[in-house]
Amino acid sequence: MVPNKIAAGYVRRRTRLSNGVMWLNSFSFSLDADRAPQLKAFGGFSYRKMGTSFVEYKGHGFWSWDGYLEHVLFLLAETIGPSPPESWLNEARDHWREQSTGIFSAWIHPNLDEYVSCEDRRTVVLRLIDELQSRRDVTPEAAETAEFLRRLLLGEITTDAASPLDYMVSGEHPYEWWVRRNAEMEGH
């Protein structure tokens, strides 16, 4: 059954980055009539982002829906905290926080080869992923995406960008964390 759409379109949003640069982000949205009562908490409007990004580490990786990946990167940055003991963690936190803002639609890049460049760093990031997955407030989609990330860092994922997509994380749409984050960013 095809949902009864009450709104659909294409949105262009301008965002000012911390360095003052303006970034233009474009994405599609739709609102299903049967979901409208559930969305009133979010102002009665939701975005359905269509972008996916490839998460790569040492030549292998996985595709992820952007909302899930943004949520995982946000949680990783939050888990690192305000004063990490090493400068590379500070850089990774800032980069992952920026990548989680929604302005890199279909081009989210965690830069794992840069930030997880040795065994010691890999151990630290795996510990951060474990902490993220043990949170009681983590969504199933974020936990599953974090599991893919953990498996990638352990070398258990051998797919590349051209591999069949028989492993994508799926869940409810619109993804509520993504909708709330966008509403907060837009002041709703």
Protein backbone atom coordinates (compact mmCIF):
# COMPACT_ATOMS: atom_id res chain seq x y z
CA MET A 1 0.00 0.00 0.00
CA VAL A 2 1.34 3.44 -0.95
CA PRO A 3 1.08 5.98 1.89
CA ASN A 4 -1.19 8.97 1.37
CA LYS A 5 1.24 11.88 0.96
CA ILE A 6 0.03 15.22 2.25
CA ALA A 7 3.26 17.06 1.54
CA ALA A 8 6.37 16.41 -0.50
CA GLY A 9 9.06 18.50 -2.04
CA TYR A 10 12.65 19.54 -2.27
CA VAL A 11 14.25 21.82 0.30
CA ARG A 12 17.41 23.89 0.11
CA ARG A 13 18.78 24.98 3.47
CA ARG A 14 21.66 27.34 4.10
CA THR A 15 23.83 26.68 7.13
CA ARG A 16 26.69 28.81 8.42
CA LEU A 17 29.63 26.64 9.46
CA SER A 18 31.80 27.50 12.46
CA ASN A 19 34.42 28.96 10.10
CA GLY A 20 31.84 31.38 8.63
CA VAL A 21 31.41 29.53 5.33
CA MET A 22 27.84 29.19 4.06
CA TRP A 23 26.87 25.64 3.08
CA LEU A 24 23.87 24.88 0.90
CA ASN A 25 22.22 21.57 1.73
CA SER A 26 19.49 20.15 -0.50
CA PHE A 27 17.26 17.20 0.30
CA SER A 28 13.88 15.68 -0.38
CA PHE A 29 11.09 15.45 2.16
CA SER A 30 7.69 13.87 2.43
CA LEU A 31 4.97 13.64 5.04
CA ASP A 32 2.63 10.66 5.13
CA ALA A 33 -0.94 11.37 6.20
CA ASP A 34 -1.06 8.23 8.33
CA ARG A 35 2.02 9.43 10.30
CA ALA A 36 0.89 13.05 10.72
CA PRO A 37 -0.56 12.58 14.26
CA GLN A 38 2.74 11.07 15.43
CA LEU A 39 4.68 14.01 13.98
CA LYS A 40 2.79 16.80 15.76
CA ALA A 41 5.42 16.66 18.49
CA PHE A 42 7.91 17.72 15.84
CA GLY A 43 5.83 20.61 14.55
CA GLY A 44 3.75 18.42 12.22
CA PHE A 45 6.46 18.39 9.57
CA SER A 46 9.21 15.90 8.91
CA TYR A 47 12.04 15.46 6.50
CA ARG A 48 12.72 12.18 4.79
CA LYS A 49 16.34 12.36 3.86
CA MET A 50 17.30 10.19 0.94
CA GLY A 51 21.10 10.33 1.21
CA THR A 52 23.43 7.47 2.00
CA SER A 53 27.16 7.62 2.64
CA PHE A 54 29.91 5.03 2.36
CA VAL A 55 31.91 4.54 5.56
CA GLU A 56 35.41 3.40 4.62
CA TYR A 57 38.40 2.09 6.56
CA LYS A 58 41.50 0.55 4.98
CA GLY A 59 39.79 -0.01 1.62
CA HIS A 60 36.65 -1.70 2.95
CA GLY A 61 33.40 -0.34 4.28
CA PHE A 62 29.63 -0.21 4.33
CA TRP A 63 26.82 2.04 3.12
CA SER A 64 24.69 3.75 5.74
CA TRP A 65 21.60 5.90 5.66
CA ASP A 66 22.82 9.39 6.59
CA GLY A 67 20.46 9.90 9.54
CA TYR A 68 21.75 6.78 11.29
CA LEU A 69 25.40 7.60 10.58
CA GLU A 70 24.96 11.21 11.72
CA HIS A 71 23.42 9.95 14.97
CA VAL A 72 26.31 7.53 15.60
CA LEU A 73 28.92 10.22 14.92
CA PHE A 74 27.05 12.62 17.22
CA LEU A 75 27.00 9.99 19.99
CA LEU A 76 30.70 9.18 19.48
CA ALA A 77 31.58 12.89 19.73
CA GLU A 78 29.43 13.17 22.86
CA THR A 79 31.08 10.06 24.36
CA ILE A 80 34.55 11.57 23.83
CA GLY A 81 33.51 14.51 26.00
CA PRO A 82 34.76 18.10 26.27
CA SER A 83 38.37 17.45 27.32
CA PRO A 84 39.83 14.32 25.74
CA PRO A 85 43.27 13.25 26.95
CA GLU A 86 44.84 13.23 23.47
CA SER A 87 44.79 15.86 20.69
CA TRP A 88 43.75 13.38 17.97
CA LEU A 89 40.59 12.61 19.99
CA ASN A 90 39.83 16.32 20.17
CA GLU A 91 40.19 16.56 16.37
CA ALA A 92 38.10 13.42 15.80
CA ARG A 93 35.37 14.69 18.15
CA ASP A 94 35.19 18.05 16.37
CA HIS A 95 35.18 16.41 12.93
CA TRP A 96 32.51 13.84 13.87
CA ARG A 97 30.39 16.53 15.49
CA GLU A 98 30.56 18.60 12.29
CA GLN A 99 29.81 15.53 10.14
CA SER A 100 26.71 14.88 12.27
CA THR A 101 25.13 18.29 11.57
CA GLY A 102 23.19 17.24 8.48
CA ILE A 103 25.02 19.46 6.03
CA PHE A 104 27.01 16.68 4.35
CA SER A 105 24.08 14.81 2.83
CA ALA A 106 25.30 11.73 0.94
CA TRP A 107 28.90 12.75 1.64
CA ILE A 108 29.46 12.04 5.33
CA HIS A 109 33.06 11.04 5.86
CA PRO A 110 34.23 9.99 9.35
CA ASN A 111 37.90 9.99 8.15
CA LEU A 112 38.57 6.71 9.90
CA ASP A 113 41.88 6.13 8.11
CA GLU A 114 43.11 9.44 9.53
CA TYR A 115 41.74 9.19 13.08
CA VAL A 116 42.15 5.43 13.56
CA SER A 117 45.65 5.21 12.11
CA CYS A 118 47.21 2.77 14.60
CA GLU A 119 46.27 -0.06 16.95
CA ASP A 120 46.17 2.18 20.05
CA ARG A 121 43.69 4.56 18.42
CA ARG A 122 41.61 1.66 17.13
CA THR A 123 41.38 0.30 20.68
CA VAL A 124 40.21 3.70 21.95
CA VAL A 125 37.53 4.05 19.24
CA LEU A 126 36.33 0.48 19.82
CA ARG A 127 35.95 1.34 23.52
CA LEU A 128 33.95 4.45 22.55
CA ILE A 129 31.69 2.34 20.35
CA ASP A 130 31.16 -0.12 23.23
CA GLU A 131 30.19 2.80 25.49
CA LEU A 132 27.82 4.14 22.84
CA GLN A 133 26.15 0.75 22.37
CA SER A 134 25.66 0.30 26.12
CA ARG A 135 23.70 3.54 26.50
CA ARG A 136 20.06 3.01 27.40
CA ASP A 137 18.93 5.88 25.15
CA VAL A 138 20.57 4.62 21.94
CA THR A 139 18.11 3.76 19.18
CA PRO A 140 18.17 0.32 17.55
CA GLU A 141 19.23 1.94 14.26
CA ALA A 142 22.15 3.77 15.86
CA ALA A 143 23.21 0.65 17.78
CA GLU A 144 23.15 -1.44 14.59
CA THR A 145 25.08 1.21 12.63
CA ALA A 146 27.64 1.39 15.46
CA GLU A 147 27.94 -2.41 15.27
CA PHE A 148 28.78 -2.13 11.57
CA LEU A 149 31.40 0.46 12.48
CA ARG A 150 32.85 -1.82 15.18
CA ARG A 151 32.98 -4.76 12.77
CA LEU A 152 34.64 -2.56 10.13
CA LEU A 153 37.37 -1.49 12.56
CA LEU A 154 37.93 -5.14 13.54
CA GLY A 155 38.41 -6.09 9.88
CA GLU A 156 35.27 -8.24 9.78
CA ILE A 157 33.67 -6.25 6.94
CA THR A 158 35.26 -6.83 3.58
CA THR A 159 32.71 -5.14 1.30
CA ASP A 160 33.54 -2.08 -0.76
CA ALA A 161 31.45 0.70 -2.32
CA ALA A 162 30.52 -1.51 -5.30
CA SER A 163 29.41 -4.53 -3.24
CA PRO A 164 25.72 -5.55 -3.20
CA LEU A 165 23.61 -3.69 -0.63
CA ASP A 166 22.23 -6.67 1.25
CA TYR A 167 23.22 -5.38 4.68
CA MET A 168 21.70 -1.88 5.04
CA VAL A 169 20.33 -0.94 8.46
CA SER A 170 16.63 -0.14 8.25
CA GLY A 171 14.08 1.25 10.65
CA GLU A 172 11.18 3.63 11.08
CA HIS A 173 11.00 6.65 8.81
CA PRO A 174 11.14 9.43 9.48
CA TYR A 175 13.98 8.72 11.91
CA GLU A 176 12.90 10.58 15.03
CA TRP A 177 16.39 11.58 16.23
CA TRP A 178 17.09 13.16 12.84
CA VAL A 179 13.76 15.01 12.81
CA ARG A 180 14.29 16.37 16.35
CA ARG A 181 17.87 17.43 15.59
CA ASN A 182 16.76 19.30 12.45
CA ALA A 183 13.90 20.98 14.30
CA GLU A 184 16.33 22.12 17.01
CA MET A 185 18.76 23.44 14.39
CA GLU A 186 15.98 25.41 12.72
CA GLY A 187 14.66 26.77 16.02
CA HIS A 188 11.31 24.91 16.06
